Amino acid sequence: MTHLIETMAYSGAAPWHGLGSSLSPKQPLEIWQREAGMSWQIEESPVHFKADAVGHLSTIHSFSEQKVLYRSDTKSPLSVVSSRYQVVQPGEVLEFYRDLTEVSGYELETAGILKGGRKFWALARTGQATTLKGNDQVNGYLLLATSCDGTLATTATPTSIRVVCNNTLAVALDGATHAIKVPHSTRFVPQTVKKQLGIAVSQWDEFMYRMNMLAARKVQWHEAMGFFMEVLCDTGSGDPIPEVLPNKRAMEKVQSLYEGKGRGADLESARGTAWGLLNAVTEYVDHERRARSSEYRVDSAWFGPGATIKQRALDSALRLVA
């Protein structure tokens, strides 16, 4: 595999990014930890540096305000962070799901590491599911992810996945996701996060009620073009369509997905609707957007610019049914 994803595992159907090795369902967390490449620890060491002394001999000094994080198995460096940085171990991310899978009916579906171990995550199905008209099924998931290089707080995100196309979308209402974020300046306490998530996960019915509204909202051609311009070109929804389109390739690709080329675009829920507009964008980000590799696309779609585009698409779509 490339340097971005070192190891990944999944259960059931291959995930939307097509990466990883397959596990049979309901494996214990210890098997997940091994197969997902997460059976190592993040170790710490003080920062040291060499300084020339009299006679050109070097002396070793320490810098107590920062520390080096490195892998226990390969000894590969991961990052240099503040001495106050609170580390979350790969095993802790999987352990977060132990009672959820053993008692609450959750089922792990994928887990792995990005960027040589600088980011790692696990994704579990919650058991929540809704079917939109035309047998368009959407399932509920919980994504827990963190980093050890300061690029991502430890974040638990209720997530939806549309079965027909494996499009992923963070559950969000009123312009805000229901993600629970724990900065690395604070100790990660799983039970505290789970209590907060109880409220977020309960928003599923309201979220899917809004998605049903999107599926019932027919859109005109000028509304569709305005939507794509707003989401992909950062224009105002009422601005006129210019003769020369900025971001032309993305516009053409998303439009073609919406008009029938996309997975599930011909379903009653998506054909000519605001739900179809939203899924054209999420499919573009998850499956079609230019990226150096599938691994880079995963990182972007979940944690980077791609996730921002999908959130902007959701906000714009919901304004159509406000």
Protein backbone atom coordinates (compact mmCIF):
# COMPACT_ATOMS: atom_id res chain seq x y z
CA MET A 1 0.00 0.00 0.00
CA THR A 2 1.04 3.61 -0.30
CA HIS A 3 2.51 5.65 2.53
CA LEU A 4 -0.85 7.17 3.44
CA ILE A 5 -2.76 4.07 4.49
CA GLU A 6 -0.44 1.46 5.95
CA THR A 7 -3.11 -1.04 6.95
CA MET A 8 -6.87 -1.08 7.01
CA ALA A 9 -9.57 -3.68 7.66
CA TYR A 10 -13.27 -3.90 6.93
CA SER A 11 -16.19 -6.24 7.55
CA GLY A 12 -18.98 -6.95 5.07
CA ALA A 13 -19.03 -5.31 1.65
CA ALA A 14 -15.93 -3.45 0.49
CA PRO A 15 -16.06 0.17 1.70
CA TRP A 16 -16.56 3.06 -0.70
CA HIS A 17 -12.83 3.75 -1.02
CA GLY A 18 -12.11 0.12 -1.94
CA LEU A 19 -9.17 -0.19 0.47
CA GLY A 20 -8.25 -2.75 3.11
CA SER A 21 -8.46 -6.45 3.92
CA SER A 22 -11.73 -8.24 4.63
CA LEU A 23 -12.77 -9.63 8.01
CA SER A 24 -15.71 -11.88 8.77
CA PRO A 25 -18.48 -10.16 10.79
CA LYS A 26 -18.44 -9.64 14.56
CA GLN A 27 -14.72 -10.16 15.11
CA PRO A 28 -13.36 -9.26 18.57
CA LEU A 29 -11.65 -5.90 18.94
CA GLU A 30 -8.28 -7.60 19.38
CA ILE A 31 -8.55 -9.02 15.84
CA TRP A 32 -9.61 -5.61 14.51
CA GLN A 33 -6.63 -4.00 16.21
CA ARG A 34 -4.20 -6.41 14.56
CA GLU A 35 -5.75 -6.46 11.10
CA ALA A 36 -6.32 -2.70 10.96
CA GLY A 37 -2.68 -2.04 11.74
CA MET A 38 -3.45 -0.42 15.10
CA SER A 39 -1.62 -2.80 17.46
CA TRP A 40 1.14 -0.37 18.39
CA GLN A 41 1.55 2.46 20.88
CA ILE A 42 2.48 6.11 20.50
CA GLU A 43 5.65 6.66 22.53
CA GLU A 44 7.03 10.00 23.71
CA SER A 45 10.52 11.42 23.96
CA PRO A 46 11.80 14.89 24.96
CA VAL A 47 13.11 17.06 22.13
CA HIS A 48 16.92 17.18 22.05
CA PHE A 49 19.20 19.28 19.89
CA LYS A 50 22.93 19.62 19.27
CA ALA A 51 24.76 22.91 19.73
CA ASP A 52 28.39 23.63 18.89
CA ALA A 53 30.62 24.29 21.88
CA VAL A 54 34.22 25.49 22.28
CA GLY A 55 36.61 23.44 20.15
CA HIS A 56 33.82 22.48 17.74
CA LEU A 57 32.51 19.76 20.04
CA SER A 58 28.74 19.41 20.09
CA THR A 59 26.71 19.34 23.26
CA ILE A 60 23.24 17.87 23.60
CA HIS A 61 20.51 20.05 25.05
CA SER A 62 16.86 19.33 25.74
CA PHE A 63 13.84 21.49 25.02
CA SER A 64 11.26 20.64 27.66
CA GLU A 65 8.38 22.56 26.09
CA GLN A 66 7.97 20.05 23.24
CA LYS A 67 8.14 16.29 22.75
CA VAL A 68 8.57 13.86 19.87
CA LEU A 69 5.88 11.24 19.28
CA TYR A 70 6.94 8.00 17.57
CA ARG A 71 5.64 4.50 16.88
CA SER A 72 6.53 1.77 19.34
CA ASP A 73 6.84 -0.89 16.61
CA THR A 74 8.87 0.81 13.88
CA LYS A 75 10.28 3.70 15.95
CA SER A 76 9.21 5.95 13.06
CA PRO A 77 8.68 9.59 14.11
CA LEU A 78 5.10 10.85 13.93
CA SER A 79 5.23 14.48 15.03
CA VAL A 80 6.68 17.10 17.35
CA VAL A 81 4.04 18.51 19.69
CA SER A 82 3.69 20.57 22.83
CA SER A 83 4.66 18.85 26.08
CA ARG A 84 1.03 19.41 27.14
CA TYR A 85 -0.33 17.46 24.15
CA GLN A 86 -2.68 14.69 25.28
CA VAL A 87 -2.07 11.56 23.24
CA VAL A 88 -4.90 9.21 22.23
CA GLN A 89 -3.64 5.72 21.42
CA PRO A 90 -4.80 3.69 18.39
CA GLY A 91 -6.13 1.01 20.72
CA GLU A 92 -8.25 3.58 22.56
CA VAL A 93 -10.14 4.39 19.35
CA LEU A 94 -11.18 0.76 18.96
CA GLU A 95 -11.78 0.28 22.69
CA PHE A 96 -14.29 3.15 22.51
CA TYR A 97 -16.62 0.76 20.66
CA ARG A 98 -16.36 -2.22 23.04
CA ASP A 99 -19.55 -1.64 25.01
CA LEU A 100 -21.28 -0.19 21.93
CA THR A 101 -20.69 -3.41 19.98
CA GLU A 102 -21.21 -5.83 22.87
CA VAL A 103 -24.28 -4.18 24.44
CA SER A 104 -25.77 -1.49 22.18
CA GLY A 105 -25.94 -3.33 18.87
CA TYR A 106 -23.27 -1.38 17.02
CA GLU A 107 -21.12 -3.27 14.50
CA LEU A 108 -17.64 -2.25 13.40
CA GLU A 109 -17.34 -2.04 9.63
CA THR A 110 -13.96 -0.43 8.98
CA ALA A 111 -10.87 0.82 10.81
CA GLY A 112 -7.39 1.87 9.83
CA ILE A 113 -4.60 4.41 9.82
CA LEU A 114 -3.64 7.28 7.55
CA LYS A 115 -0.31 8.97 6.96
CA GLY A 116 1.79 6.25 8.53
CA GLY A 117 -0.12 6.44 11.80
CA ARG A 118 -0.58 10.19 12.15
CA LYS A 119 -4.35 9.72 11.82
CA PHE A 120 -6.46 6.70 12.71
CA TRP A 121 -10.16 5.92 12.88
CA ALA A 122 -12.89 3.33 13.28
CA LEU A 123 -16.38 3.37 11.76
CA ALA A 124 -19.31 1.40 13.19
CA ARG A 125 -22.87 0.94 12.02
CA THR A 126 -25.33 2.07 14.69
CA GLY A 127 -28.31 0.00 13.57
CA GLN A 128 -30.28 3.09 12.57
CA ALA A 129 -31.69 2.99 9.05
CA THR A 130 -34.26 4.86 6.95
CA THR A 131 -35.62 4.09 3.49
CA LEU A 132 -36.59 7.00 1.25
CA LYS A 133 -39.11 6.62 -1.54
CA GLY A 134 -38.01 4.30 -4.31
CA ASN A 135 -36.27 1.92 -1.85
CA ASP A 136 -33.35 4.31 -1.29
CA GLN A 137 -31.80 3.10 1.99
CA VAL A 138 -29.63 5.26 4.26
CA ASN A 139 -27.85 3.73 7.26
CA GLY A 140 -26.52 5.40 10.40
CA TYR A 141 -22.88 5.16 11.47
CA LEU A 142 -20.53 6.55 14.09
CA LEU A 143 -17.04 7.61 13.02
CA LEU A 144 -14.37 8.11 15.69
CA ALA A 145 -11.10 9.57 14.46
CA THR A 146 -8.07 11.32 15.88
CA SER A 147 -4.54 12.40 15.01
CA CYS A 148 -1.21 12.64 16.79
CA ASP A 149 0.15 15.55 14.75
CA GLY A 150 -2.28 18.29 15.75
CA THR A 151 -4.26 18.21 12.50
CA LEU A 152 -7.42 16.67 13.98
CA ALA A 153 -9.01 16.74 17.41
CA THR A 154 -10.39 13.44 18.66
CA THR A 155 -13.76 13.61 16.90
CA ALA A 156 -16.85 11.42 17.13
CA THR A 157 -19.13 12.11 14.16
CA PRO A 158 -22.60 10.65 13.54
CA THR A 159 -22.49 9.79 9.85
CA SER A 160 -24.95 8.59 7.22
CA ILE A 161 -24.11 6.28 4.32
CA ARG A 162 -26.42 5.89 1.34
CA VAL A 163 -26.35 2.19 0.49
CA VAL A 164 -26.82 2.39 -3.29
CA CYS A 165 -23.69 4.50 -3.79
CA ASN A 166 -21.76 4.34 -0.48
CA ASN A 167 -21.86 8.14 -0.26
CA THR A 168 -20.86 9.35 3.19
CA LEU A 169 -22.34 12.44 4.83
CA ALA A 170 -21.98 13.77 8.36
CA VAL A 171 -25.32 14.09 10.15
CA ALA A 172 -25.91 17.82 10.49
CA LEU A 173 -28.85 20.13 11.12
CA ASP A 174 -29.21 23.90 11.07
CA GLY A 175 -25.77 24.45 9.61
CA ALA A 176 -23.85 22.53 12.28
CA THR A 177 -22.63 18.95 12.52
CA HIS A 178 -23.31 17.01 15.68
CA ALA A 179 -19.68 15.93 15.97
CA ILE A 180 -18.20 15.81 19.45
CA LYS A 181 -14.65 17.18 19.46
CA VAL A 182 -12.07 16.72 22.20
CA PRO A 183 -8.97 18.90 21.63
CA HIS A 184 -5.60 17.39 22.43
CA SER A 185 -5.15 19.96 25.19
CA THR A 186 -7.81 17.96 27.07
CA ARG A 187 -7.82 14.32 28.17
CA PHE A 188 -10.06 12.08 26.08
CA VAL A 189 -12.71 10.53 28.37
CA PRO A 190 -14.79 8.01 26.36
CA GLN A 191 -17.78 7.90 28.72
CA THR A 192 -18.12 11.69 28.63
CA VAL A 193 -18.11 11.65 24.83
CA LYS A 194 -20.70 8.86 24.75
CA LYS A 195 -23.03 10.84 27.01
CA GLN A 196 -22.78 13.81 24.65
CA LEU A 197 -23.29 11.53 21.66
CA GLY A 198 -26.55 10.27 23.12
CA ILE A 199 -28.09 13.59 22.15
CA ALA A 200 -26.41 13.69 18.75
CA VAL A 201 -27.42 10.16 17.77
CA SER A 202 -31.01 10.92 18.79
CA GLN A 203 -31.07 13.54 16.02
CA TRP A 204 -31.16 10.77 13.40
CA ASP A 205 -34.94 10.86 12.95
CA GLU A 206 -34.96 14.64 12.55
CA PHE A 207 -32.06 14.49 10.10
CA MET A 208 -33.74 11.83 7.98
CA TYR A 209 -37.02 13.76 8.12
CA ARG A 210 -35.14 16.60 6.43
CA MET A 211 -33.62 14.16 3.90
CA ASN A 212 -37.16 12.99 3.08
CA MET A 213 -38.06 16.63 2.46
CA LEU A 214 -35.14 16.89 0.05
CA ALA A 215 -36.33 13.77 -1.78
CA ALA A 216 -39.79 15.33 -2.18
CA ARG A 217 -38.47 18.72 -3.37
CA LYS A 218 -38.42 18.88 -7.17
CA VAL A 219 -35.91 21.37 -8.58
CA GLN A 220 -35.78 23.35 -11.81
CA TRP A 221 -32.73 23.52 -14.06
CA HIS A 222 -31.80 27.04 -12.94
CA GLU A 223 -32.06 25.95 -9.29
CA ALA A 224 -29.76 23.00 -9.93
CA MET A 225 -27.18 25.20 -11.65
CA GLY A 226 -27.40 27.77 -8.88
CA PHE A 227 -26.87 25.01 -6.32
CA PHE A 228 -23.77 23.67 -8.08
CA MET A 229 -22.36 27.18 -8.52
CA GLU A 230 -22.86 27.94 -4.84
CA VAL A 231 -21.33 24.67 -3.63
CA LEU A 232 -18.46 24.27 -6.08
CA CYS A 233 -17.66 27.83 -7.13
CA ASP A 234 -18.54 29.68 -3.92
CA THR A 235 -20.97 32.08 -5.60
CA GLY A 236 -24.18 33.47 -4.17
CA SER A 237 -27.29 31.38 -4.82
CA GLY A 238 -28.94 34.27 -6.72
CA ASP A 239 -25.92 35.26 -8.80
CA PRO A 240 -26.26 34.95 -12.60
CA ILE A 241 -24.49 32.00 -14.24
CA PRO A 242 -21.32 33.32 -15.94
CA GLU A 243 -20.45 32.49 -19.55
CA VAL A 244 -17.14 30.96 -18.47
CA LEU A 245 -17.64 28.60 -15.53
CA PRO A 246 -15.04 28.58 -12.77
CA ASN A 247 -14.11 25.06 -11.67
CA LYS A 248 -15.57 23.87 -14.98
CA ARG A 249 -14.48 20.23 -14.76
CA ALA A 250 -16.09 19.75 -11.34
CA MET A 251 -19.27 21.48 -12.47
CA GLU A 252 -19.58 19.26 -15.55
CA LYS A 253 -18.86 16.08 -13.59
CA VAL A 254 -21.35 16.81 -10.81
CA GLN A 255 -24.00 17.85 -13.31
CA SER A 256 -23.58 14.57 -15.21
CA LEU A 257 -23.88 12.59 -11.96
CA TYR A 258 -27.07 14.45 -11.12
CA GLU A 259 -28.56 13.97 -14.59
CA GLY A 260 -28.29 10.19 -14.54
CA LYS A 261 -24.64 9.08 -14.47
CA GLY A 262 -24.49 8.86 -10.68
CA ARG A 263 -25.13 5.71 -8.64
CA GLY A 264 -28.80 5.78 -7.68
CA ALA A 265 -29.47 8.94 -9.71
CA ASP A 266 -32.40 7.22 -11.42
CA LEU A 267 -34.18 6.36 -8.16
CA GLU A 268 -37.44 8.17 -7.49
CA SER A 269 -35.93 9.86 -4.44
CA ALA A 270 -33.07 11.41 -6.44
CA ARG A 271 -34.33 12.02 -9.97
CA GLY A 272 -34.79 15.78 -10.38
CA THR A 273 -34.81 16.43 -6.61
CA ALA A 274 -32.80 18.28 -4.00
CA TRP A 275 -31.74 14.90 -2.59
CA GLY A 276 -30.33 14.11 -6.03
CA LEU A 277 -28.39 17.39 -6.02
CA LEU A 278 -26.87 16.60 -2.63
CA ASN A 279 -25.86 13.08 -3.62
CA ALA A 280 -24.31 14.24 -6.88
CA VAL A 281 -21.90 16.32 -4.79
CA THR A 282 -21.23 13.65 -2.17
CA GLU A 283 -20.56 11.06 -4.88
CA TYR A 284 -18.22 13.46 -6.64
CA VAL A 285 -16.25 14.09 -3.43
CA ASP A 286 -16.13 10.44 -2.33
CA HIS A 287 -15.56 8.75 -5.68
CA GLU A 288 -14.67 11.17 -8.49
CA ARG A 289 -12.80 14.22 -7.22
CA ARG A 290 -9.22 14.41 -8.35
CA ALA A 291 -6.79 13.13 -5.76
CA ARG A 292 -3.26 11.78 -5.70
CA SER A 293 -4.65 8.41 -4.62
CA SER A 294 -7.67 6.79 -3.01
CA GLU A 295 -5.97 7.30 0.35
CA TYR A 296 -5.76 11.05 -0.18
CA ARG A 297 -9.42 11.04 -1.21
CA VAL A 298 -10.38 9.31 2.07
CA ASP A 299 -8.47 11.91 4.09
CA SER A 300 -10.10 14.78 2.20
CA ALA A 301 -13.64 13.35 2.20
CA TRP A 302 -13.67 12.70 5.94
CA PHE A 303 -11.34 15.27 7.43
CA GLY A 304 -10.36 17.87 4.84
CA PRO A 305 -11.59 20.00 1.93
CA GLY A 306 -13.91 17.29 0.66
CA ALA A 307 -15.76 17.20 3.99
CA THR A 308 -16.15 20.99 3.77
CA ILE A 309 -17.66 20.74 0.27
CA LYS A 310 -20.15 18.10 1.43
CA GLN A 311 -21.19 20.22 4.41
CA ARG A 312 -21.68 23.21 2.10
CA ALA A 313 -23.81 21.03 -0.20
CA LEU A 314 -25.98 19.90 2.71
CA ASP A 315 -26.47 23.47 3.93
CA SER A 316 -27.40 24.63 0.40
CA ALA A 317 -29.78 21.73 -0.14
CA LEU A 318 -31.56 22.34 3.16
CA ARG A 319 -32.09 25.99 2.19
CA LEU A 320 -34.16 24.70 -0.74
CA VAL A 321 -36.68 23.21 1.72
CA ALA A 322 -36.49 25.88 4.41
